[in-house]
Amino acid sequence: MKYQKLVNEINFLLGSVTKEREKQRKKLKYHLRQVKAEEQKLRKKLEKENCGASRKKLKRELSSVKKAYVLLDA
């Protein structure tokens, strides 16, 4: 009977871990979508911008977004 209790406990814990991991995946996907949207928005602004100083600022922001994307994708 002790073994059955242990097996039940392990199954319960595995189920809990699986649920938490799924929650974490959903959050990660949500953040990835946000980063992709921000990247697209910055690329559109960069295409339209003519001023050198503004372009440089947008490129820095785009670089930061790319770094965030790499961190989330890893």
N, C-alpha and C. Protein backbone atom coordinates (compact mmCIF):
# COMPACT_ATOMS: atom_id res chain seq x y z
N MET A 1 0.81 -1.19 0.00
CA MET A 1 0.00 0.00 0.00
C MET A 1 0.86 1.26 0.00
N LYS A 2 2.02 1.21 0.63
CA LYS A 2 2.91 2.36 0.63
C LYS A 2 3.33 2.72 -0.78
N TYR A 3 3.57 1.68 -1.58
CA TYR A 3 4.01 1.92 -2.95
C TYR A 3 2.93 2.64 -3.75
N GLN A 4 1.72 2.27 -3.56
CA GLN A 4 0.61 2.90 -4.29
C GLN A 4 0.49 4.37 -3.92
N LYS A 5 0.69 4.68 -2.63
CA LYS A 5 0.65 6.08 -2.20
C LYS A 5 1.77 6.87 -2.86
N LEU A 6 2.95 6.26 -2.91
CA LEU A 6 4.09 6.94 -3.54
C LEU A 6 3.84 7.16 -5.04
N VAL A 7 3.31 6.16 -5.69
CA VAL A 7 3.01 6.27 -7.12
C VAL A 7 1.97 7.36 -7.35
N ASN A 8 0.95 7.41 -6.53
CA ASN A 8 -0.08 8.44 -6.65
C ASN A 8 0.52 9.83 -6.43
N GLU A 9 1.38 9.94 -5.44
CA GLU A 9 2.03 11.23 -5.15
C GLU A 9 2.90 11.68 -6.33
N ILE A 10 3.66 10.77 -6.87
CA ILE A 10 4.52 11.09 -8.03
C ILE A 10 3.67 11.50 -9.23
N ASN A 11 2.61 10.79 -9.49
CA ASN A 11 1.73 11.15 -10.60
C ASN A 11 1.11 12.53 -10.41
N PHE A 12 0.71 12.82 -9.19
CA PHE A 12 0.14 14.13 -8.89
C PHE A 12 1.17 15.23 -9.13
N LEU A 13 2.40 15.01 -8.66
CA LEU A 13 3.45 16.01 -8.83
C LEU A 13 3.81 16.20 -10.30
N LEU A 14 3.85 15.12 -11.05
CA LEU A 14 4.13 15.22 -12.48
C LEU A 14 3.03 16.02 -13.20
N GLY A 15 1.81 15.78 -12.80
CA GLY A 15 0.70 16.54 -13.38
C GLY A 15 0.80 18.02 -13.07
N SER A 16 1.19 18.34 -11.85
CA SER A 16 1.36 19.74 -11.44
C SER A 16 2.47 20.41 -12.23
N VAL A 17 3.57 19.71 -12.39
CA VAL A 17 4.70 20.25 -13.14
C VAL A 17 4.30 20.49 -14.59
N THR A 18 3.57 19.58 -15.17
CA THR A 18 3.13 19.72 -16.55
C THR A 18 2.24 20.95 -16.72
N LYS A 19 1.32 21.16 -15.79
CA LYS A 19 0.44 22.33 -15.84
C LYS A 19 1.23 23.62 -15.75
N GLU A 20 2.20 23.68 -14.83
CA GLU A 20 3.02 24.88 -14.66
C GLU A 20 3.86 25.15 -15.90
N ARG A 21 4.38 24.08 -16.48
CA ARG A 21 5.20 24.25 -17.69
C ARG A 21 4.36 24.78 -18.84
N GLU A 22 3.14 24.31 -18.95
CA GLU A 22 2.24 24.78 -20.00
C GLU A 22 1.91 26.26 -19.81
N LYS A 23 1.69 26.66 -18.56
CA LYS A 23 1.45 28.08 -18.27
C LYS A 23 2.65 28.92 -18.70
N GLN A 24 3.84 28.42 -18.39
CA GLN A 24 5.06 29.15 -18.73
C GLN A 24 5.22 29.25 -20.25
N ARG A 25 4.91 28.19 -20.98
CA ARG A 25 4.99 28.23 -22.44
C ARG A 25 4.03 29.26 -23.02
N LYS A 26 2.82 29.31 -22.47
CA LYS A 26 1.83 30.28 -22.95
C LYS A 26 2.32 31.71 -22.73
N LYS A 27 2.90 31.96 -21.56
CA LYS A 27 3.43 33.30 -21.27
C LYS A 27 4.57 33.64 -22.23
N LEU A 28 5.43 32.67 -22.48
CA LEU A 28 6.56 32.89 -23.39
C LEU A 28 6.07 33.20 -24.80
N LYS A 29 5.08 32.45 -25.28
CA LYS A 29 4.53 32.70 -26.61
C LYS A 29 3.90 34.08 -26.68
N TYR A 30 3.21 34.47 -25.61
CA TYR A 30 2.59 35.80 -25.55
C TYR A 30 3.65 36.89 -25.68
N HIS A 31 4.73 36.75 -24.93
CA HIS A 31 5.80 37.75 -24.98
C HIS A 31 6.51 37.75 -26.33
N LEU A 32 6.68 36.59 -26.92
CA LEU A 32 7.28 36.52 -28.25
C LEU A 32 6.43 37.25 -29.28
N ARG A 33 5.12 37.08 -29.20
CA ARG A 33 4.23 37.80 -30.12
C ARG A 33 4.34 39.30 -29.94
N GLN A 34 4.44 39.75 -28.70
CA GLN A 34 4.58 41.17 -28.43
C GLN A 34 5.89 41.71 -29.01
N VAL A 35 6.96 40.97 -28.84
CA VAL A 35 8.27 41.40 -29.34
C VAL A 35 8.24 41.45 -30.86
N LYS A 36 7.65 40.46 -31.50
CA LYS A 36 7.56 40.45 -32.96
C LYS A 36 6.76 41.64 -33.47
N ALA A 37 5.67 41.95 -32.79
CA ALA A 37 4.84 43.09 -33.19
C ALA A 37 5.62 44.39 -33.05
N GLU A 38 6.36 44.52 -31.97
CA GLU A 38 7.17 45.73 -31.76
C GLU A 38 8.25 45.84 -32.82
N GLU A 39 8.85 44.72 -33.18
CA GLU A 39 9.89 44.72 -34.22
C GLU A 39 9.30 45.18 -35.55
N GLN A 40 8.15 44.67 -35.91
CA GLN A 40 7.52 45.08 -37.17
C GLN A 40 7.17 46.56 -37.16
N LYS A 41 6.69 47.04 -36.03
CA LYS A 41 6.33 48.46 -35.91
C LYS A 41 7.58 49.33 -36.09
N LEU A 42 8.68 48.94 -35.46
CA LEU A 42 9.91 49.71 -35.58
C LEU A 42 10.47 49.66 -37.00
N ARG A 43 10.36 48.52 -37.66
CA ARG A 43 10.85 48.41 -39.04
C ARG A 43 10.05 49.33 -39.97
N LYS A 44 8.75 49.41 -39.78
CA LYS A 44 7.92 50.30 -40.60
C LYS A 44 8.32 51.76 -40.37
N LYS A 45 8.52 52.13 -39.10
CA LYS A 45 8.94 53.50 -38.79
C LYS A 45 10.30 53.80 -39.42
N LEU A 46 11.19 52.82 -39.36
CA LEU A 46 12.53 52.99 -39.90
C LEU A 46 12.49 53.20 -41.41
N GLU A 47 11.62 52.49 -42.10
CA GLU A 47 11.49 52.64 -43.55
C GLU A 47 11.01 54.03 -43.92
N LYS A 48 10.11 54.60 -43.11
CA LYS A 48 9.53 55.90 -43.40
C LYS A 48 10.43 57.07 -42.99
N GLU A 49 11.31 56.84 -42.04
CA GLU A 49 12.11 57.93 -41.46
C GLU A 49 13.23 58.36 -42.40
N ASN A 50 13.42 59.66 -42.52
CA ASN A 50 14.47 60.22 -43.37
C ASN A 50 15.60 60.84 -42.55
N CYS A 51 15.28 61.37 -41.39
CA CYS A 51 16.24 62.06 -40.54
C CYS A 51 17.27 61.06 -39.99
N GLY A 52 18.54 61.41 -40.11
CA GLY A 52 19.61 60.51 -39.67
C GLY A 52 19.58 60.22 -38.19
N ALA A 53 19.36 61.25 -37.36
CA ALA A 53 19.35 61.06 -35.91
C ALA A 53 18.19 60.15 -35.48
N SER A 54 17.03 60.35 -36.08
CA SER A 54 15.88 59.51 -35.75
C SER A 54 16.09 58.07 -36.21
N ARG A 55 16.70 57.91 -37.37
CA ARG A 55 16.98 56.57 -37.87
C ARG A 55 17.94 55.83 -36.94
N LYS A 56 18.94 56.57 -36.46
CA LYS A 56 19.91 55.97 -35.55
C LYS A 56 19.23 55.51 -34.26
N LYS A 57 18.34 56.36 -33.73
CA LYS A 57 17.60 56.01 -32.52
C LYS A 57 16.72 54.79 -32.76
N LEU A 58 16.04 54.75 -33.89
CA LEU A 58 15.18 53.60 -34.22
C LEU A 58 16.00 52.32 -34.38
N LYS A 59 17.18 52.45 -34.95
CA LYS A 59 18.05 51.27 -35.11
C LYS A 59 18.50 50.73 -33.75
N ARG A 60 18.77 51.65 -32.81
CA ARG A 60 19.15 51.21 -31.46
C ARG A 60 17.99 50.49 -30.80
N GLU A 61 16.79 51.04 -30.95
CA GLU A 61 15.60 50.40 -30.37
C GLU A 61 15.36 49.04 -31.01
N LEU A 62 15.55 48.97 -32.32
CA LEU A 62 15.37 47.70 -33.03
C LEU A 62 16.39 46.67 -32.56
N SER A 63 17.60 47.13 -32.32
CA SER A 63 18.64 46.24 -31.80
C SER A 63 18.24 45.68 -30.43
N SER A 64 17.67 46.53 -29.59
CA SER A 64 17.22 46.07 -28.27
C SER A 64 16.10 45.05 -28.40
N VAL A 65 15.20 45.29 -29.33
CA VAL A 65 14.09 44.36 -29.55
C VAL A 65 14.64 43.02 -30.03
N LYS A 66 15.61 43.07 -30.92
CA LYS A 66 16.22 41.82 -31.42
C LYS A 66 16.87 41.04 -30.29
N LYS A 67 17.54 41.74 -29.38
CA LYS A 67 18.16 41.07 -28.24
C LYS A 67 17.10 40.42 -27.36
N ALA A 68 16.00 41.11 -27.13
CA ALA A 68 14.91 40.53 -26.34
C ALA A 68 14.35 39.31 -27.02
N TYR A 69 14.22 39.37 -28.34
CA TYR A 69 13.70 38.24 -29.09
C TYR A 69 14.63 37.04 -28.95
N VAL A 70 15.93 37.28 -29.04
CA VAL A 70 16.89 36.18 -28.90
C VAL A 70 16.82 35.58 -27.49
N LEU A 71 16.68 36.42 -26.47
CA LEU A 71 16.59 35.91 -25.11
C LEU A 71 15.34 35.08 -24.89
N LEU A 72 14.23 35.53 -25.45
CA LEU A 72 12.98 34.78 -25.30
C LEU A 72 12.97 33.50 -26.12
N ASP A 73 13.63 33.54 -27.26
CA ASP A 73 13.65 32.39 -28.13
C ASP A 73 14.56 31.28 -27.59
N ALA A 74 15.52 31.66 -26.78
CA ALA A 74 16.47 30.68 -26.23
C ALA A 74 15.77 29.88 -25.20
